[in-house]
Amino acid sequence: MPDERLDLPQGTLDLLILKALSLGPQHGWAISERLHQVSRATLQVPQGSLYPALHRLERRGWIAAEWQPSENNRRAKYYALTRTGERQLRTETEDWRRLTATVDLILGMR
């Protein structure tokens, strides 16, 4: 249902960004577009949420940034996952799966 947008629970955007960057370095707009495509247009990440999240992840040392030419030859800041970010992605993925399985159990109770 592409017309129905979802609001992300607190902290979820960080996990999604880390996952997107686990596939290789990307600039901010490409990250946003990839999440939009993979979610079948359900998730729309506004720039006002994306860039503060990228800066927060960079401050935490989970991602690193470097200016490079983009596909259209303009300078863009490319973000890449660090080793610390890879570990954080594994941890957050495990936590997310445990949480969603627990919520699913509760929602299925009779």
Protein backbone atom coordinates (compact mmCIF):
# COMPACT_ATOMS: atom_id res chain seq x y z
CA MET A 1 0.00 0.00 0.00
CA PRO A 2 2.30 2.76 -1.24
CA ASP A 3 -0.05 5.59 -0.21
CA GLU A 4 0.10 4.63 3.47
CA ARG A 5 3.16 6.07 5.19
CA LEU A 6 4.50 4.80 8.48
CA ASP A 7 6.06 6.80 11.29
CA LEU A 8 9.21 5.15 12.59
CA PRO A 9 9.46 4.33 16.29
CA GLN A 10 12.18 6.23 18.16
CA GLY A 11 15.66 4.93 17.28
CA THR A 12 14.57 2.88 14.28
CA LEU A 13 15.98 5.31 11.72
CA ASP A 14 19.50 4.75 13.05
CA LEU A 15 19.13 0.99 12.54
CA LEU A 16 17.83 1.46 9.00
CA ILE A 17 20.66 3.83 8.08
CA LEU A 18 23.26 1.40 9.44
CA LYS A 19 21.67 -1.41 7.43
CA ALA A 20 21.62 0.67 4.24
CA LEU A 21 25.30 1.55 4.71
CA SER A 22 26.21 -2.09 5.33
CA LEU A 23 25.69 -2.52 1.57
CA GLY A 24 28.33 0.10 0.78
CA PRO A 25 29.04 3.84 1.07
CA GLN A 26 26.22 6.16 0.03
CA HIS A 27 25.36 9.84 0.18
CA GLY A 28 22.37 11.02 2.18
CA TRP A 29 19.89 11.32 -0.67
CA ALA A 30 20.79 7.81 -1.91
CA ILE A 31 20.21 6.39 1.60
CA SER A 32 16.79 8.03 1.76
CA GLU A 33 15.87 6.80 -1.73
CA ARG A 34 17.05 3.26 -1.03
CA LEU A 35 14.95 3.04 2.14
CA HIS A 36 11.99 4.42 0.21
CA GLN A 37 12.43 1.85 -2.59
CA VAL A 38 13.02 -1.18 -0.37
CA SER A 39 10.01 -0.27 1.79
CA ARG A 40 7.86 -0.20 -1.37
CA ALA A 41 7.35 3.53 -0.87
CA THR A 42 5.99 3.07 2.66
CA LEU A 43 8.88 4.91 4.36
CA GLN A 44 9.67 8.47 3.42
CA VAL A 45 12.63 9.80 5.41
CA PRO A 46 12.57 13.61 5.45
CA GLN A 47 15.88 15.45 5.22
CA GLY A 48 15.10 17.08 8.57
CA SER A 49 15.31 13.62 10.16
CA LEU A 50 17.93 11.97 7.96
CA TYR A 51 20.80 14.44 8.26
CA PRO A 52 20.61 14.89 12.05
CA ALA A 53 20.63 11.07 12.32
CA LEU A 54 23.67 10.82 10.01
CA HIS A 55 25.52 13.44 12.08
CA ARG A 56 24.59 11.64 15.32
CA LEU A 57 25.86 8.30 13.95
CA GLU A 58 29.06 10.00 12.79
CA ARG A 59 29.64 11.54 16.26
CA ARG A 60 29.17 8.09 17.81
CA GLY A 61 31.82 6.67 15.47
CA TRP A 62 29.39 4.24 13.82
CA ILE A 63 29.79 5.83 10.40
CA ALA A 64 32.51 7.89 8.72
CA ALA A 65 32.00 10.59 6.08
CA GLU A 66 34.06 11.69 3.10
CA TRP A 67 33.39 14.23 0.35
CA GLN A 68 33.38 12.66 -3.13
CA PRO A 69 31.92 13.39 -6.55
CA SER A 70 28.39 12.00 -6.94
CA GLU A 71 26.86 10.30 -9.98
CA ASN A 72 26.11 13.73 -11.50
CA ASN A 73 29.65 15.04 -10.76
CA ARG A 74 28.61 17.22 -7.84
CA ARG A 75 30.36 16.99 -4.50
CA ALA A 76 28.44 14.90 -2.00
CA LYS A 77 29.22 13.63 1.46
CA TYR A 78 29.42 9.84 1.33
CA TYR A 79 28.85 7.87 4.50
CA ALA A 80 30.36 4.47 5.24
CA LEU A 81 29.91 2.02 8.08
CA THR A 82 32.86 1.71 10.49
CA ARG A 83 33.83 -1.48 12.34
CA THR A 84 32.15 -0.08 15.42
CA GLY A 85 29.08 0.59 13.27
CA GLU A 86 29.10 -3.00 12.01
CA ARG A 87 29.07 -4.26 15.61
CA GLN A 88 26.32 -1.81 16.50
CA LEU A 89 24.26 -2.96 13.51
CA ARG A 90 24.53 -6.59 14.65
CA THR A 91 23.55 -5.66 18.21
CA GLU A 92 20.62 -3.46 17.16
CA THR A 93 19.40 -6.05 14.64
CA GLU A 94 19.35 -8.76 17.34
CA ASP A 95 17.60 -6.40 19.77
CA TRP A 96 15.03 -5.42 17.11
CA ARG A 97 14.27 -9.05 16.24
CA ARG A 98 13.84 -9.96 19.93
CA LEU A 99 11.58 -6.96 20.51
CA THR A 100 9.38 -7.58 17.46
CA ALA A 101 9.06 -11.30 18.30
CA THR A 102 8.00 -10.38 21.85
CA VAL A 103 5.48 -7.80 20.63
CA ASP A 104 4.14 -10.34 18.14
CA LEU A 105 3.64 -12.86 20.96
CA ILE A 106 1.75 -10.30 23.00
CA LEU A 107 -0.42 -9.20 20.07
CA GLY A 108 -1.29 -12.83 19.42
CA MET A 109 -2.41 -13.59 22.98
CA ARG A 110 -5.98 -14.77 23.53
